Amino acid sequence: MAFKLFKNKGEKRDWDVKSLRDALLRFIKEALQKIEGGEGGHIKELLLYIAASPEDKHLYEGAVYVHDKEKFRNEVQKIADDYALDLPSDWTIEVDFVDELPLEASPIPDLDAAFLMHTRRQVMHNASSAVAYIRILNGEAEQGEYMIKATDDKINIGRDKKAVTDNGSYRLNKLVFPADSKDESNKFISRQHAHIEWNKDSECFMIFADEGGVPPRNKTKIHIAADGKMIKLNSTQIGHPMNEGDQVILGESAVFLFSTKAEG
């Protein structure tokens, strides 16, 4: 997608980083000014998409302070303050360099860029429909893959479907590793090993070790896909956010993969 350098038909415009930044901010300002009825206070995130050609990409990178993202956010915040738009304190802006501009975003005239706003209500609606997939890599579970949803109740993980808790009530496991399995990995999974739940504030799935999944009983470890590190969950109170490709090790060797992508 070529960078449009024409102000009027046949008339070339010499863009530089500053004029390009001004054009982007002017569009964002006009978009924000269209918000009526106090919706500014409900804004959760602003999304700026850029599909520049290789020869023009450096101009856009400079325009949005690609190496200091907070500076561009501050520029937008200044606009909001100047026009009393009353953005919430935790609003965010993301700048994505893409091959093609998404259809749902508003194209910015004369630029290889598009803009999209999400209010808190929209984000909550989108989050409520979030799904993820648990794929068993080692050990024997009742299913090879489980689909979990943000609207699910606490998703218990353990050996066998039903376990008696310390207070005498029954815990029902959804990710079930049968005790009578011939797979040795199942022997080291506790009946109350761990659980996954949706965190509304962080807008992600989180895993918590339960009583049977922390030392001195069995263990719950997570191999972080992003950096290859291994972490151990040593408390039932502190959870860990799940990200694409993370692998969770239950006990000695049962392993499942967390993914937000359906298998093709």
C-alpha atoms as a PDB file:
ATOM      1  CA  MET A   1       0.000   0.000   0.000  1.00  0.00           C
ATOM      2  CA  ALA A   2       1.721   3.204  -1.131  1.00  0.00           C
ATOM      3  CA  PHE A   3       2.144   6.304   0.971  1.00  0.00           C
ATOM      4  CA  LYS A   4      -0.112   8.985  -0.507  1.00  0.00           C
ATOM      5  CA  LEU A   5       1.965  12.073  -1.028  1.00  0.00           C
ATOM      6  CA  PHE A   6      -0.669  14.088  -2.858  1.00  0.00           C
ATOM      7  CA  LYS A   7      -2.559  16.958  -1.275  1.00  0.00           C
ATOM      8  CA  ASN A   8      -4.701  17.522  -4.371  1.00  0.00           C
ATOM      9  CA  LYS A   9      -4.771  15.609  -7.597  1.00  0.00           C
ATOM     10  CA  GLY A  10      -1.413  16.018  -9.274  1.00  0.00           C
ATOM     11  CA  GLU A  11      -0.014  18.154  -6.447  1.00  0.00           C
ATOM     12  CA  LYS A  12       2.706  16.526  -4.403  1.00  0.00           C
ATOM     13  CA  ARG A  13       2.897  17.147  -0.674  1.00  0.00           C
ATOM     14  CA  ASP A  14       6.250  16.887   1.074  1.00  0.00           C
ATOM     15  CA  TRP A  15       5.482  15.143   4.330  1.00  0.00           C
ATOM     16  CA  ASP A  16       7.949  15.107   7.169  1.00  0.00           C
ATOM     17  CA  VAL A  17       7.703  13.466  10.579  1.00  0.00           C
ATOM     18  CA  LYS A  18       6.193  16.510  12.285  1.00  0.00           C
ATOM     19  CA  SER A  19       3.517  17.218   9.652  1.00  0.00           C
ATOM     20  CA  LEU A  20       2.624  13.546   9.569  1.00  0.00           C
ATOM     21  CA  ARG A  21       2.285  13.475  13.348  1.00  0.00           C
ATOM     22  CA  ASP A  22       0.106  16.578  13.230  1.00  0.00           C
ATOM     23  CA  ALA A  23      -2.162  14.960  10.625  1.00  0.00           C
ATOM     24  CA  LEU A  24      -2.563  11.804  12.731  1.00  0.00           C
ATOM     25  CA  LEU A  25      -3.282  13.761  15.893  1.00  0.00           C
ATOM     26  CA  ARG A  26      -5.741  16.038  14.106  1.00  0.00           C
ATOM     27  CA  PHE A  27      -7.762  13.038  12.960  1.00  0.00           C
ATOM     28  CA  ILE A  28      -7.706  11.541  16.457  1.00  0.00           C
ATOM     29  CA  LYS A  29      -8.820  14.873  17.912  1.00  0.00           C
ATOM     30  CA  GLU A  30     -11.743  15.103  15.477  1.00  0.00           C
ATOM     31  CA  ALA A  31     -12.745  11.514  16.251  1.00  0.00           C
ATOM     32  CA  LEU A  32     -12.683  12.189  19.986  1.00  0.00           C
ATOM     33  CA  GLN A  33     -14.672  15.410  19.588  1.00  0.00           C
ATOM     34  CA  LYS A  34     -17.498  13.446  17.962  1.00  0.00           C
ATOM     35  CA  ILE A  35     -18.060  11.528  21.180  1.00  0.00           C
ATOM     36  CA  GLU A  36     -21.220  12.743  22.822  1.00  0.00           C
ATOM     37  CA  GLY A  37     -23.167  12.062  25.987  1.00  0.00           C
ATOM     38  CA  GLY A  38     -20.151  11.619  28.235  1.00  0.00           C
ATOM     39  CA  GLU A  39     -18.868   8.571  26.351  1.00  0.00           C
ATOM     40  CA  GLY A  40     -15.323   9.924  26.610  1.00  0.00           C
ATOM     41  CA  GLY A  41     -15.217   8.700  30.169  1.00  0.00           C
ATOM     42  CA  HIS A  42     -15.986   5.170  28.945  1.00  0.00           C
ATOM     43  CA  ILE A  43     -13.114   4.954  26.450  1.00  0.00           C
ATOM     44  CA  LYS A  44     -10.917   1.961  27.154  1.00  0.00           C
ATOM     45  CA  GLU A  45      -8.553   1.900  24.205  1.00  0.00           C
ATOM     46  CA  LEU A  46      -7.634   3.739  21.030  1.00  0.00           C
ATOM     47  CA  LEU A  47      -6.191   1.749  18.143  1.00  0.00           C
ATOM     48  CA  LEU A  48      -4.081   3.289  15.389  1.00  0.00           C
ATOM     49  CA  TYR A  49      -3.276   1.043  12.437  1.00  0.00           C
ATOM     50  CA  ILE A  50      -0.526   1.930   9.961  1.00  0.00           C
ATOM     51  CA  ALA A  51       0.064   0.169   6.637  1.00  0.00           C
ATOM     52  CA  ALA A  52       2.975   2.182   5.260  1.00  0.00           C
ATOM     53  CA  SER A  53       5.190   1.140   2.406  1.00  0.00           C
ATOM     54  CA  PRO A  54       8.749   0.114   3.383  1.00  0.00           C
ATOM     55  CA  GLU A  55      10.196   3.405   2.120  1.00  0.00           C
ATOM     56  CA  ASP A  56       7.732   5.469   4.200  1.00  0.00           C
ATOM     57  CA  LYS A  57       7.603   3.363   7.338  1.00  0.00           C
ATOM     58  CA  HIS A  58      10.389   5.319   9.048  1.00  0.00           C
ATOM     59  CA  LEU A  59       8.320   8.523   8.750  1.00  0.00           C
ATOM     60  CA  TYR A  60       5.374   6.912  10.520  1.00  0.00           C
ATOM     61  CA  GLU A  61       7.649   5.374  13.154  1.00  0.00           C
ATOM     62  CA  GLY A  62       9.013   8.812  13.938  1.00  0.00           C
ATOM     63  CA  ALA A  63       5.545  10.370  13.904  1.00  0.00           C
ATOM     64  CA  VAL A  64       4.222   8.004  16.590  1.00  0.00           C
ATOM     65  CA  TYR A  65       7.438   7.886  18.636  1.00  0.00           C
ATOM     66  CA  VAL A  66       7.700   4.157  18.037  1.00  0.00           C
ATOM     67  CA  HIS A  67      10.639   3.864  20.455  1.00  0.00           C
ATOM     68  CA  ASP A  68       8.926   5.864  23.204  1.00  0.00           C
ATOM     69  CA  LYS A  69       5.239   4.959  23.065  1.00  0.00           C
ATOM     70  CA  GLU A  70       4.331   6.991  26.131  1.00  0.00           C
ATOM     71  CA  LYS A  71       5.194  10.226  24.278  1.00  0.00           C
ATOM     72  CA  PHE A  72       2.477   9.646  21.675  1.00  0.00           C
ATOM     73  CA  ARG A  73      -0.026   8.819  24.406  1.00  0.00           C
ATOM     74  CA  ASN A  74       0.912  12.084  26.115  1.00  0.00           C
ATOM     75  CA  GLU A  75       0.241  13.984  22.871  1.00  0.00           C
ATOM     76  CA  VAL A  76      -3.263  12.495  22.703  1.00  0.00           C
ATOM     77  CA  GLN A  77      -3.839  13.163  26.398  1.00  0.00           C
ATOM     78  CA  LYS A  78      -2.930  16.821  25.846  1.00  0.00           C
ATOM     79  CA  ILE A  79      -5.591  17.039  23.125  1.00  0.00           C
ATOM     80  CA  ALA A  80      -8.132  15.473  25.481  1.00  0.00           C
ATOM     81  CA  ASP A  81      -7.220  17.944  28.213  1.00  0.00           C
ATOM     82  CA  ASP A  82      -7.360  20.951  25.862  1.00  0.00           C
ATOM     83  CA  TYR A  83     -10.867  20.020  24.746  1.00  0.00           C
ATOM     84  CA  ALA A  84     -12.089  18.777  28.155  1.00  0.00           C
ATOM     85  CA  LEU A  85     -12.802  15.308  26.773  1.00  0.00           C
ATOM     86  CA  ASP A  86     -12.375  13.713  30.210  1.00  0.00           C
ATOM     87  CA  LEU A  87     -10.710  10.428  29.253  1.00  0.00           C
ATOM     88  CA  PRO A  88     -10.457   7.892  32.102  1.00  0.00           C
ATOM     89  CA  SER A  89      -7.055   7.579  33.779  1.00  0.00           C
ATOM     90  CA  ASP A  90      -6.458   4.024  32.517  1.00  0.00           C
ATOM     91  CA  TRP A  91      -7.146   4.540  28.805  1.00  0.00           C
ATOM     92  CA  THR A  92      -4.598   3.076  26.397  1.00  0.00           C
ATOM     93  CA  ILE A  93      -3.482   3.630  22.830  1.00  0.00           C
ATOM     94  CA  GLU A  94      -1.950   0.928  20.663  1.00  0.00           C
ATOM     95  CA  VAL A  95      -0.129   1.564  17.382  1.00  0.00           C
ATOM     96  CA  ASP A  96       0.043  -1.461  15.079  1.00  0.00           C
ATOM     97  CA  PHE A  97       1.993  -1.642  11.835  1.00  0.00           C
ATOM     98  CA  VAL A  98       0.014  -3.958   9.561  1.00  0.00           C
ATOM     99  CA  ASP A  99       0.016  -5.174   5.971  1.00  0.00           C
ATOM    100  CA  GLU A 100      -3.588  -4.100   5.395  1.00  0.00           C
ATOM    101  CA  LEU A 101      -5.816  -1.712   7.284  1.00  0.00           C
ATOM    102  CA  PRO A 102      -8.684  -3.516   9.059  1.00  0.00           C
ATOM    103  CA  LEU A 103     -12.123  -2.918   7.566  1.00  0.00           C
ATOM    104  CA  GLU A 104     -13.686  -2.041  10.921  1.00  0.00           C
ATOM    105  CA  ALA A 105     -11.315   0.908  11.443  1.00  0.00           C
ATOM    106  CA  SER A 106     -11.928   4.407  10.034  1.00  0.00           C
ATOM    107  CA  PRO A 107      -9.406   5.264   7.305  1.00  0.00           C
ATOM    108  CA  ILE A 108      -7.506   8.515   7.774  1.00  0.00           C
ATOM    109  CA  PRO A 109      -7.744  10.576   4.557  1.00  0.00           C
ATOM    110  CA  ASP A 110      -4.516  10.895   2.541  1.00  0.00           C
ATOM    111  CA  LEU A 111      -2.609   8.655   4.946  1.00  0.00           C
ATOM    112  CA  ASP A 112      -1.857   4.952   5.098  1.00  0.00           C
ATOM    113  CA  ALA A 113      -3.499   4.752   8.491  1.00  0.00           C
ATOM    114  CA  ALA A 114      -6.826   3.995  10.158  1.00  0.00           C
ATOM    115  CA  PHE A 115      -8.251   4.618  13.612  1.00  0.00           C
ATOM    116  CA  LEU A 116     -10.572   2.728  15.930  1.00  0.00           C
ATOM    117  CA  MET A 117     -11.961   3.433  19.391  1.00  0.00           C
ATOM    118  CA  HIS A 118     -13.254   0.923  21.915  1.00  0.00           C
ATOM    119  CA  THR A 119     -15.344   2.011  24.847  1.00  0.00           C
ATOM    120  CA  ARG A 120     -15.301   0.101  28.105  1.00  0.00           C
ATOM    121  CA  ARG A 121     -18.725  -1.323  27.276  1.00  0.00           C
ATOM    122  CA  GLN A 122     -17.467  -2.649  23.939  1.00  0.00           C
ATOM    123  CA  VAL A 123     -14.377  -4.168  25.544  1.00  0.00           C
ATOM    124  CA  MET A 124     -16.485  -5.853  28.213  1.00  0.00           C
ATOM    125  CA  HIS A 125     -18.761  -7.262  25.510  1.00  0.00           C
ATOM    126  CA  ASN A 126     -15.779  -8.527  23.515  1.00  0.00           C
ATOM    127  CA  ALA A 127     -14.160  -9.969  26.625  1.00  0.00           C
ATOM    128  CA  SER A 128     -17.296 -11.831  27.627  1.00  0.00           C
ATOM    129  CA  SER A 129     -17.092 -13.783  24.365  1.00  0.00           C
ATOM    130  CA  ALA A 130     -13.401 -14.706  24.805  1.00  0.00           C
ATOM    131  CA  VAL A 131     -12.551 -18.395  24.417  1.00  0.00           C
ATOM    132  CA  ALA A 132      -9.387 -20.434  24.810  1.00  0.00           C
ATOM    133  CA  TYR A 133      -8.304 -24.027  24.311  1.00  0.00           C
ATOM    134  CA  ILE A 134      -6.554 -26.442  26.647  1.00  0.00           C
ATOM    135  CA  ARG A 135      -4.701 -29.173  24.720  1.00  0.00           C
ATOM    136  CA  ILE A 136      -3.308 -32.151  26.594  1.00  0.00           C
ATOM    137  CA  LEU A 137       0.316 -32.803  25.605  1.00  0.00           C
ATOM    138  CA  ASN A 138       1.236 -35.420  28.195  1.00  0.00           C
ATOM    139  CA  GLY A 139      -0.818 -37.466  30.613  1.00  0.00           C
ATOM    140  CA  GLU A 140      -4.285 -38.866  29.950  1.00  0.00           C
ATOM    141  CA  ALA A 141      -7.329 -36.640  30.372  1.00  0.00           C
ATOM    142  CA  GLU A 142     -10.940 -37.469  29.548  1.00  0.00           C
ATOM    143  CA  GLN A 143     -10.623 -35.222  26.489  1.00  0.00           C
ATOM    144  CA  GLY A 144      -7.669 -34.358  24.323  1.00  0.00           C
ATOM    145  CA  GLU A 145      -8.839 -30.748  24.081  1.00  0.00           C
ATOM    146  CA  TYR A 146     -11.088 -28.566  26.201  1.00  0.00           C
ATOM    147  CA  MET A 147     -12.632 -25.283  25.146  1.00  0.00           C
ATOM    148  CA  ILE A 148     -13.012 -22.775  27.963  1.00  0.00           C
ATOM    149  CA  LYS A 149     -14.972 -19.505  27.914  1.00  0.00           C
ATOM    150  CA  ALA A 150     -14.800 -16.235  29.803  1.00  0.00           C
ATOM    151  CA  THR A 151     -18.386 -16.822  30.922  1.00  0.00           C
ATOM    152  CA  ASP A 152     -17.526 -20.176  32.540  1.00  0.00           C
ATOM    153  CA  ASP A 153     -17.474 -20.568  36.282  1.00  0.00           C
ATOM    154  CA  LYS A 154     -14.202 -21.577  37.914  1.00  0.00           C
ATOM    155  CA  ILE A 155     -12.662 -24.342  35.763  1.00  0.00           C
ATOM    156  CA  ASN A 156     -11.296 -26.942  38.176  1.00  0.00           C
ATOM    157  CA  ILE A 157      -8.418 -29.248  37.204  1.00  0.00           C
ATOM    158  CA  GLY A 158      -7.676 -32.475  39.000  1.00  0.00           C
ATOM    159  CA  ARG A 159      -7.595 -36.252  39.235  1.00  0.00           C
ATOM    160  CA  ASP A 160     -11.062 -37.730  38.789  1.00  0.00           C
ATOM    161  CA  LYS A 161     -14.319 -35.852  38.346  1.00  0.00           C
ATOM    162  CA  LYS A 162     -15.263 -35.503  41.998  1.00  0.00           C
ATOM    163  CA  ALA A 163     -13.225 -34.771  45.111  1.00  0.00           C
ATOM    164  CA  VAL A 164     -14.188 -34.205  48.734  1.00  0.00           C
ATOM    165  CA  THR A 165     -12.858 -30.912  50.103  1.00  0.00           C
ATOM    166  CA  ASP A 166     -11.643 -30.259  53.642  1.00  0.00           C
ATOM    167  CA  ASN A 167     -15.038 -28.862  54.636  1.00  0.00           C
ATOM    168  CA  GLY A 168     -16.853 -31.939  53.393  1.00  0.00           C
ATOM    169  CA  SER A 169     -18.316 -30.453  50.229  1.00  0.00           C
ATOM    170  CA  TYR A 170     -17.716 -31.885  46.783  1.00  0.00           C
ATOM    171  CA  ARG A 171     -15.506 -30.291  44.175  1.00  0.00           C
ATOM    172  CA  LEU A 172     -16.279 -31.066  40.539  1.00  0.00           C
ATOM    173  CA  ASN A 173     -13.370 -31.062  38.113  1.00  0.00           C
ATOM    174  CA  LYS A 174     -13.851 -30.046  34.486  1.00  0.00           C
ATOM    175  CA  LEU A 175     -10.358 -30.950  33.246  1.00  0.00           C
ATOM    176  CA  VAL A 176     -10.290 -34.517  34.467  1.00  0.00           C
ATOM    177  CA  PHE A 177      -7.268 -36.850  34.637  1.00  0.00           C
ATOM    178  CA  PRO A 178      -8.704 -40.287  35.559  1.00  0.00           C
ATOM    179  CA  ALA A 179      -7.096 -42.034  38.539  1.00  0.00           C
ATOM    180  CA  ASP A 180      -7.423 -45.455  36.882  1.00  0.00           C
ATOM    181  CA  SER A 181      -5.380 -44.391  33.855  1.00  0.00           C
ATOM    182  CA  LYS A 182      -2.320 -46.461  32.997  1.00  0.00           C
ATOM    183  CA  ASP A 183      -0.466 -43.230  32.248  1.00  0.00           C
ATOM    184  CA  GLU A 184       2.098 -42.703  35.016  1.00  0.00           C
ATOM    185  CA  SER A 185       1.719 -38.910  34.780  1.00  0.00           C
ATOM    186  CA  ASN A 186      -1.811 -39.062  36.213  1.00  0.00           C
ATOM    187  CA  LYS A 187      -0.554 -40.451  39.535  1.00  0.00           C
ATOM    188  CA  PHE A 188       1.105 -37.157  40.426  1.00  0.00           C
ATOM    189  CA  ILE A 189      -1.971 -35.001  39.842  1.00  0.00           C
ATOM    190  CA  SER A 190      -3.956 -34.096  42.937  1.00  0.00           C
ATOM    191  CA  ARG A 191      -7.725 -34.280  43.136  1.00  0.00           C
ATOM    192  CA  GLN A 192      -7.727 -30.547  43.878  1.00  0.00           C
ATOM    193  CA  HIS A 193      -4.727 -29.520  41.808  1.00  0.00           C
ATOM    194  CA  ALA A 194      -5.454 -26.162  40.110  1.00  0.00           C
ATOM    195  CA  HIS A 195      -8.130 -24.041  38.504  1.00  0.00           C
ATOM    196  CA  ILE A 196      -8.491 -21.501  35.698  1.00  0.00           C
ATOM    197  CA  GLU A 197     -10.772 -18.499  35.807  1.00  0.00           C
ATOM    198  CA  TRP A 198     -11.427 -15.355  33.770  1.00  0.00           C
ATOM    199  CA  ASN A 199     -10.108 -12.138  35.308  1.00  0.00           C
ATOM    200  CA  LYS A 200     -12.392  -9.240  34.364  1.00  0.00           C
ATOM    201  CA  ASP A 201      -9.910  -6.535  35.350  1.00  0.00           C
ATOM    202  CA  SER A 202      -6.952  -7.979  33.440  1.00  0.00           C
ATOM    203  CA  GLU A 203      -9.211  -9.363  30.689  1.00  0.00           C
ATOM    204  CA  CYS A 204      -7.379 -12.670  30.546  1.00  0.00           C
ATOM    205  CA  PHE A 205      -7.558 -16.254  31.775  1.00  0.00           C
ATOM    206  CA  MET A 206      -5.542 -16.914  34.922  1.00  0.00           C
ATOM    207  CA  ILE A 207      -4.400 -20.158  36.491  1.00  0.00           C
ATOM    208  CA  PHE A 208      -4.213 -20.727  40.244  1.00  0.00           C
ATOM    209  CA  ALA A 209      -2.717 -23.651  42.103  1.00  0.00           C
ATOM    210  CA  ASP A 210      -5.103 -25.219  44.605  1.00  0.00           C
ATOM    211  CA  GLU A 211      -4.265 -26.988  47.887  1.00  0.00           C
ATOM    212  CA  GLY A 212      -3.127 -30.168  46.167  1.00  0.00           C
ATOM    213  CA  GLY A 213      -1.007 -28.352  43.594  1.00  0.00           C
ATOM    214  CA  VAL A 214       1.399 -26.505  45.890  1.00  0.00           C
ATOM    215  CA  PRO A 215       4.297 -27.923  47.947  1.00  0.00           C
ATOM    216  CA  PRO A 216       4.655 -30.005  50.039  1.00  0.00           C
ATOM    217  CA  ARG A 217       2.058 -31.908  48.030  1.00  0.00           C
ATOM    218  CA  ASN A 218       2.237 -31.903  44.252  1.00  0.00           C
ATOM    219  CA  LYS A 219       3.497 -29.092  42.041  1.00  0.00           C
ATOM    220  CA  THR A 220       2.166 -26.682  39.443  1.00  0.00           C
ATOM    221  CA  LYS A 221       4.699 -25.144  37.061  1.00  0.00           C
ATOM    222  CA  ILE A 222       4.323 -22.985  33.963  1.00  0.00           C
ATOM    223  CA  HIS A 223       6.702 -22.877  31.026  1.00  0.00           C
ATOM    224  CA  ILE A 224       6.343 -19.344  29.642  1.00  0.00           C
ATOM    225  CA  ALA A 225       6.228 -19.385  25.843  1.00  0.00           C
ATOM    226  CA  ALA A 226       7.368 -15.768  25.448  1.00  0.00           C
ATOM    227  CA  ASP A 227      10.763 -16.118  27.114  1.00  0.00           C
ATOM    228  CA  GLY A 228      11.222 -19.810  27.883  1.00  0.00           C
ATOM    229  CA  LYS A 229      11.277 -19.267  31.659  1.00  0.00           C
ATOM    230  CA  MET A 230       9.773 -21.704  34.118  1.00  0.00           C
ATOM    231  CA  ILE A 231       7.796 -20.439  37.100  1.00  0.00           C
ATOM    232  CA  LYS A 232       6.374 -22.350  40.050  1.00  0.00           C
ATOM    233  CA  LEU A 233       3.069 -21.564  41.711  1.00  0.00           C
ATOM    234  CA  ASN A 234       3.767 -21.759  45.438  1.00  0.00           C
ATOM    235  CA  SER A 235       0.646 -20.004  46.702  1.00  0.00           C
ATOM    236  CA  THR A 236      -3.051 -20.659  46.250  1.00  0.00           C
ATOM    237  CA  GLN A 237      -3.702 -16.910  46.407  1.00  0.00           C
ATOM    238  CA  ILE A 238      -1.461 -15.683  43.589  1.00  0.00           C
ATOM    239  CA  GLY A 239      -2.489 -16.586  40.059  1.00  0.00           C
ATOM    240  CA  HIS A 240      -0.630 -16.329  36.776  1.00  0.00           C
ATOM    241  CA  PRO A 241      -2.020 -14.823  33.544  1.00  0.00           C
ATOM    242  CA  MET A 242      -2.147 -17.313  30.685  1.00  0.00           C
ATOM    243  CA  ASN A 243      -0.702 -16.374  27.309  1.00  0.00           C
ATOM    244  CA  GLU A 244      -0.586 -18.024  23.907  1.00  0.00           C
ATOM    245  CA  GLY A 245       1.629 -21.116  23.905  1.00  0.00           C
ATOM    246  CA  ASP A 246       2.187 -21.354  27.674  1.00  0.00           C
ATOM    247  CA  GLN A 247       2.591 -24.931  28.907  1.00  0.00           C
ATOM    248  CA  VAL A 248       1.364 -25.952  32.351  1.00  0.00           C
ATOM    249  CA  ILE A 249       3.011 -28.894  34.100  1.00  0.00           C
ATOM    250  CA  LEU A 250       0.871 -30.662  36.689  1.00  0.00           C
ATOM    251  CA  GLY A 251       2.703 -32.877  39.193  1.00  0.00           C
ATOM    252  CA  GLU A 252       5.739 -34.505  37.650  1.00  0.00           C
ATOM    253  CA  SER A 253       5.002 -34.770  33.944  1.00  0.00           C
ATOM    254  CA  ALA A 254       1.376 -34.147  32.902  1.00  0.00           C
ATOM    255  CA  VAL A 255       1.397 -31.162  30.538  1.00  0.00           C
ATOM    256  CA  PHE A 256      -1.230 -29.080  28.803  1.00  0.00           C
ATOM    257  CA  LEU A 257      -0.915 -26.250  26.301  1.00  0.00           C
ATOM    258  CA  PHE A 258      -2.898 -23.007  26.560  1.00  0.00           C
ATOM    259  CA  SER A 259      -3.981 -21.412  23.274  1.00  0.00           C
ATOM    260  CA  THR A 260      -6.478 -18.827  22.120  1.00  0.00           C
ATOM    261  CA  LYS A 261      -6.391 -20.243  18.607  1.00  0.00           C
ATOM    262  CA  ALA A 262      -8.578 -23.053  17.328  1.00  0.00           C
ATOM    263  CA  GLU A 263      -6.688 -25.809  15.568  1.00  0.00           C
ATOM    264  CA  GLY A 264      -7.033 -25.506  11.805  1.00  0.00           C
END
